[in-house]
Structure formats: C-alpha cells, structure tokens
C-alpha cells in the first residue's frame, strides 16, 4: 500500500473531524443548529465551521473552535463572523477565548503521526455516537 502524503492525511482528518463535530453537536434525531443563524437541518446537510480559520492548524481540529454552521453562514457569509463571535463569547469566558486565540497562533508543526492518531481517535468516536 502506498504511503499517504501529509496533504492526504489532513484531508482525511478534516473529513472525519467534520463528521464528528456535526454528529456530536446534533440532537438525538440527528438535527443540528447553526451557531450563527439558528437554522436547523440534518447533520449531513450542515458544515463544520471554524471560529479561527482552518489555516490555523493548532485549532483546526479543536472541538472548542469548531461548531455546526449552515452552508450560507459558513461559505457564502464567510463564517458569518459577527454572529459566530457572539456565540463564542456567550459560550466561553474571556480567558478561554484568549487561550484559544494564543493556541491558534502557534506555529509549531504538528507531526504527521499525531494527525494519523487523531484520525483513528475520531473514527472511533464517530462509530460510538452513530
């Protein structure tokens, strides 16, 4: 079997992490609510929105940084940042938000082996909650 590139591993992690966020933040019927506009829909129709954007690798797969968003807010409104910020500051205290911001600015490279471990972990979690 051909070894996966780091880019392929990141893509795989993004997919399983997004699935986990959307399922875990949905109700028992699989309905999730956009944190920005309140739209409700089945988790498969929603997206994993990032408060600190995906270019920030140290918060890209952080469960506190990622929440359900509808496609309109996440894509067309580019994250609907004002509404997302209100949700974040209503949900977390100022100190935690400062910590999350510091973490998002970390530039250390995440080892590929750590990313592979995250894939295994989130696959297991998704299996448990489905």
C-alpha atoms as a PDB file:
ATOM      1  CA  UNK A   1       0.000   0.000   0.000  1.00  0.00           C
ATOM      2  CA  UNK A   2       1.316   3.416  -0.991  1.00  0.00           C
ATOM      3  CA  UNK A   3       2.104   5.765   1.887  1.00  0.00           C
ATOM      4  CA  UNK A   4      -0.281   8.710   2.128  1.00  0.00           C
ATOM      5  CA  UNK A   5       1.040  12.226   1.772  1.00  0.00           C
ATOM      6  CA  UNK A   6       0.620  14.726   4.612  1.00  0.00           C
ATOM      7  CA  UNK A   7      -1.896  16.563   2.435  1.00  0.00           C
ATOM      8  CA  UNK A   8      -3.963  13.388   2.018  1.00  0.00           C
ATOM      9  CA  UNK A   9      -3.806  12.700   5.761  1.00  0.00           C
ATOM     10  CA  UNK A  10      -5.012  16.242   6.536  1.00  0.00           C
ATOM     11  CA  UNK A  11      -7.890  15.840   4.079  1.00  0.00           C
ATOM     12  CA  UNK A  12      -8.885  12.552   5.692  1.00  0.00           C
ATOM     13  CA  UNK A  13      -8.699  14.089   9.185  1.00  0.00           C
ATOM     14  CA  UNK A  14     -10.782  17.090   8.069  1.00  0.00           C
ATOM     15  CA  UNK A  15     -13.488  14.752   6.803  1.00  0.00           C
ATOM     16  CA  UNK A  16     -13.785  12.553   9.900  1.00  0.00           C
ATOM     17  CA  UNK A  17     -13.422  15.511  12.292  1.00  0.00           C
ATOM     18  CA  UNK A  18     -16.179  17.415  10.474  1.00  0.00           C
ATOM     19  CA  UNK A  19     -18.421  14.381  10.688  1.00  0.00           C
ATOM     20  CA  UNK A  20     -17.733  14.070  14.423  1.00  0.00           C
ATOM     21  CA  UNK A  21     -18.470  17.759  15.116  1.00  0.00           C
ATOM     22  CA  UNK A  22     -21.718  17.672  13.156  1.00  0.00           C
ATOM     23  CA  UNK A  23     -22.977  14.449  14.718  1.00  0.00           C
ATOM     24  CA  UNK A  24     -21.878  15.217  18.285  1.00  0.00           C
ATOM     25  CA  UNK A  25     -23.471  18.668  18.233  1.00  0.00           C
ATOM     26  CA  UNK A  26     -26.774  17.407  16.832  1.00  0.00           C
ATOM     27  CA  UNK A  27     -29.751  16.138  18.799  1.00  0.00           C
ATOM     28  CA  UNK A  28     -30.922  12.526  19.104  1.00  0.00           C
ATOM     29  CA  UNK A  29     -32.772  12.804  15.777  1.00  0.00           C
ATOM     30  CA  UNK A  30     -29.609  13.992  14.012  1.00  0.00           C
ATOM     31  CA  UNK A  31     -30.771  17.605  13.729  1.00  0.00           C
ATOM     32  CA  UNK A  32     -28.142  20.283  14.222  1.00  0.00           C
ATOM     33  CA  UNK A  33     -28.455  24.030  14.708  1.00  0.00           C
ATOM     34  CA  UNK A  34     -26.240  26.612  13.035  1.00  0.00           C
ATOM     35  CA  UNK A  35     -24.456  28.578  15.783  1.00  0.00           C
ATOM     36  CA  UNK A  36     -24.596  31.738  13.678  1.00  0.00           C
ATOM     37  CA  UNK A  37     -28.168  31.952  12.396  1.00  0.00           C
ATOM     38  CA  UNK A  38     -30.059  29.211  14.226  1.00  0.00           C
ATOM     39  CA  UNK A  39     -31.099  27.286  11.096  1.00  0.00           C
ATOM     40  CA  UNK A  40     -31.858  23.654  11.877  1.00  0.00           C
ATOM     41  CA  UNK A  41     -31.193  20.781   9.485  1.00  0.00           C
ATOM     42  CA  UNK A  42     -29.993  17.154   9.461  1.00  0.00           C
ATOM     43  CA  UNK A  43     -26.280  16.991  10.352  1.00  0.00           C
ATOM     44  CA  UNK A  44     -25.370  15.717   6.868  1.00  0.00           C
ATOM     45  CA  UNK A  45     -26.665  18.990   5.368  1.00  0.00           C
ATOM     46  CA  UNK A  46     -24.637  21.163   7.745  1.00  0.00           C
ATOM     47  CA  UNK A  47     -20.951  22.037   7.910  1.00  0.00           C
ATOM     48  CA  UNK A  48     -18.166  22.225  10.441  1.00  0.00           C
ATOM     49  CA  UNK A  49     -17.487  25.931  10.930  1.00  0.00           C
ATOM     50  CA  UNK A  50     -14.223  27.197  12.409  1.00  0.00           C
ATOM     51  CA  UNK A  51     -14.036  30.305  14.596  1.00  0.00           C
ATOM     52  CA  UNK A  52     -10.290  30.622  13.969  1.00  0.00           C
ATOM     53  CA  UNK A  53      -9.971  29.590  10.341  1.00  0.00           C
ATOM     54  CA  UNK A  54      -8.604  26.303   9.059  1.00  0.00           C
ATOM     55  CA  UNK A  55      -5.223  27.794   8.170  1.00  0.00           C
ATOM     56  CA  UNK A  56      -4.532  27.845  11.933  1.00  0.00           C
ATOM     57  CA  UNK A  57      -3.525  24.194  12.329  1.00  0.00           C
ATOM     58  CA  UNK A  58      -3.425  24.163  16.131  1.00  0.00           C
ATOM     59  CA  UNK A  59      -7.136  24.981  16.309  1.00  0.00           C
ATOM     60  CA  UNK A  60      -8.219  23.386  13.027  1.00  0.00           C
ATOM     61  CA  UNK A  61      -9.205  20.191  14.851  1.00  0.00           C
ATOM     62  CA  UNK A  62     -10.049  21.776  18.206  1.00  0.00           C
ATOM     63  CA  UNK A  63     -13.577  20.883  19.317  1.00  0.00           C
ATOM     64  CA  UNK A  64     -13.944  24.226  21.115  1.00  0.00           C
ATOM     65  CA  UNK A  65     -13.059  26.100  17.917  1.00  0.00           C
ATOM     66  CA  UNK A  66     -15.443  24.176  15.679  1.00  0.00           C
ATOM     67  CA  UNK A  67     -19.219  24.234  15.631  1.00  0.00           C
ATOM     68  CA  UNK A  68     -22.105  23.466  13.330  1.00  0.00           C
ATOM     69  CA  UNK A  69     -22.841  26.079  10.687  1.00  0.00           C
ATOM     70  CA  UNK A  70     -25.182  26.081   7.723  1.00  0.00           C
ATOM     71  CA  UNK A  71     -23.673  26.463   4.261  1.00  0.00           C
ATOM     72  CA  UNK A  72     -24.989  30.025   3.917  1.00  0.00           C
ATOM     73  CA  UNK A  73     -23.185  31.207   7.058  1.00  0.00           C
ATOM     74  CA  UNK A  74     -20.038  29.114   6.618  1.00  0.00           C
ATOM     75  CA  UNK A  75     -19.465  29.596   2.887  1.00  0.00           C
ATOM     76  CA  UNK A  76     -21.477  32.462   1.477  1.00  0.00           C
ATOM     77  CA  UNK A  77     -21.139  34.704   4.546  1.00  0.00           C
ATOM     78  CA  UNK A  78     -17.512  33.570   5.064  1.00  0.00           C
ATOM     79  CA  UNK A  79     -18.242  32.189   8.524  1.00  0.00           C
ATOM     80  CA  UNK A  80     -20.743  34.908   9.486  1.00  0.00           C
ATOM     81  CA  UNK A  81     -18.070  36.112  11.874  1.00  0.00           C
ATOM     82  CA  UNK A  82     -20.092  38.669  13.906  1.00  0.00           C
ATOM     83  CA  UNK A  83     -22.755  36.087  14.808  1.00  0.00           C
ATOM     84  CA  UNK A  84     -20.151  33.347  15.360  1.00  0.00           C
ATOM     85  CA  UNK A  85     -18.145  35.671  17.647  1.00  0.00           C
ATOM     86  CA  UNK A  86     -21.276  36.390  19.698  1.00  0.00           C
ATOM     87  CA  UNK A  87     -21.887  32.658  20.061  1.00  0.00           C
ATOM     88  CA  UNK A  88     -18.284  32.057  21.146  1.00  0.00           C
ATOM     89  CA  UNK A  89     -18.218  34.850  23.723  1.00  0.00           C
ATOM     90  CA  UNK A  90     -21.609  33.759  25.058  1.00  0.00           C
ATOM     91  CA  UNK A  91     -20.336  30.167  25.346  1.00  0.00           C
ATOM     92  CA  UNK A  92     -16.797  30.666  26.661  1.00  0.00           C
ATOM     93  CA  UNK A  93     -15.266  33.118  29.088  1.00  0.00           C
ATOM     94  CA  UNK A  94     -12.785  35.812  28.066  1.00  0.00           C
ATOM     95  CA  UNK A  95      -9.765  33.945  29.448  1.00  0.00           C
ATOM     96  CA  UNK A  96     -10.609  30.831  27.455  1.00  0.00           C
ATOM     97  CA  UNK A  97     -11.089  32.868  24.283  1.00  0.00           C
ATOM     98  CA  UNK A  98      -7.662  34.449  24.817  1.00  0.00           C
ATOM     99  CA  UNK A  99      -6.173  30.978  25.321  1.00  0.00           C
ATOM    100  CA  UNK A 100      -7.847  29.705  22.136  1.00  0.00           C
ATOM    101  CA  UNK A 101      -6.502  32.697  20.210  1.00  0.00           C
ATOM    102  CA  UNK A 102      -2.973  32.087  21.515  1.00  0.00           C
ATOM    103  CA  UNK A 103      -3.284  28.445  20.560  1.00  0.00           C
ATOM    104  CA  UNK A 104      -4.472  29.389  17.069  1.00  0.00           C
ATOM    105  CA  UNK A 105      -1.299  31.432  16.577  1.00  0.00           C
ATOM    106  CA  UNK A 106       1.047  28.574  17.469  1.00  0.00           C
ATOM    107  CA  UNK A 107       3.356  27.869  14.544  1.00  0.00           C
ATOM    108  CA  UNK A 108       4.894  24.570  15.675  1.00  0.00           C
ATOM    109  CA  UNK A 109       4.433  21.872  13.075  1.00  0.00           C
ATOM    110  CA  UNK A 110       2.047  19.119  14.135  1.00  0.00           C
ATOM    111  CA  UNK A 111       3.752  15.772  13.492  1.00  0.00           C
ATOM    112  CA  UNK A 112       2.086  13.677  10.806  1.00  0.00           C
ATOM    113  CA  UNK A 113       1.933  10.758  13.224  1.00  0.00           C
ATOM    114  CA  UNK A 114      -0.199  12.914  15.563  1.00  0.00           C
ATOM    115  CA  UNK A 115      -2.590  13.630  12.689  1.00  0.00           C
ATOM    116  CA  UNK A 116      -2.853   9.912  11.942  1.00  0.00           C
ATOM    117  CA  UNK A 117      -3.650   9.249  15.613  1.00  0.00           C
ATOM    118  CA  UNK A 118      -6.376  11.892  15.506  1.00  0.00           C
ATOM    119  CA  UNK A 119      -7.927  10.129  12.507  1.00  0.00           C
ATOM    120  CA  UNK A 120      -8.056   6.858  14.461  1.00  0.00           C
ATOM    121  CA  UNK A 121      -9.466   8.592  17.514  1.00  0.00           C
ATOM    122  CA  UNK A 122     -12.226  10.436  15.640  1.00  0.00           C
ATOM    123  CA  UNK A 123     -13.150   7.330  13.626  1.00  0.00           C
ATOM    124  CA  UNK A 124     -13.663   5.547  16.922  1.00  0.00           C
ATOM    125  CA  UNK A 125     -15.692   8.425  18.389  1.00  0.00           C
ATOM    126  CA  UNK A 126     -17.928   8.642  15.310  1.00  0.00           C
ATOM    127  CA  UNK A 127     -18.567   4.926  15.474  1.00  0.00           C
ATOM    128  CA  UNK A 128     -19.533   5.251  19.167  1.00  0.00           C
ATOM    129  CA  UNK A 129     -22.040   8.065  18.686  1.00  0.00           C
ATOM    130  CA  UNK A 130     -23.745   6.920  15.494  1.00  0.00           C
END
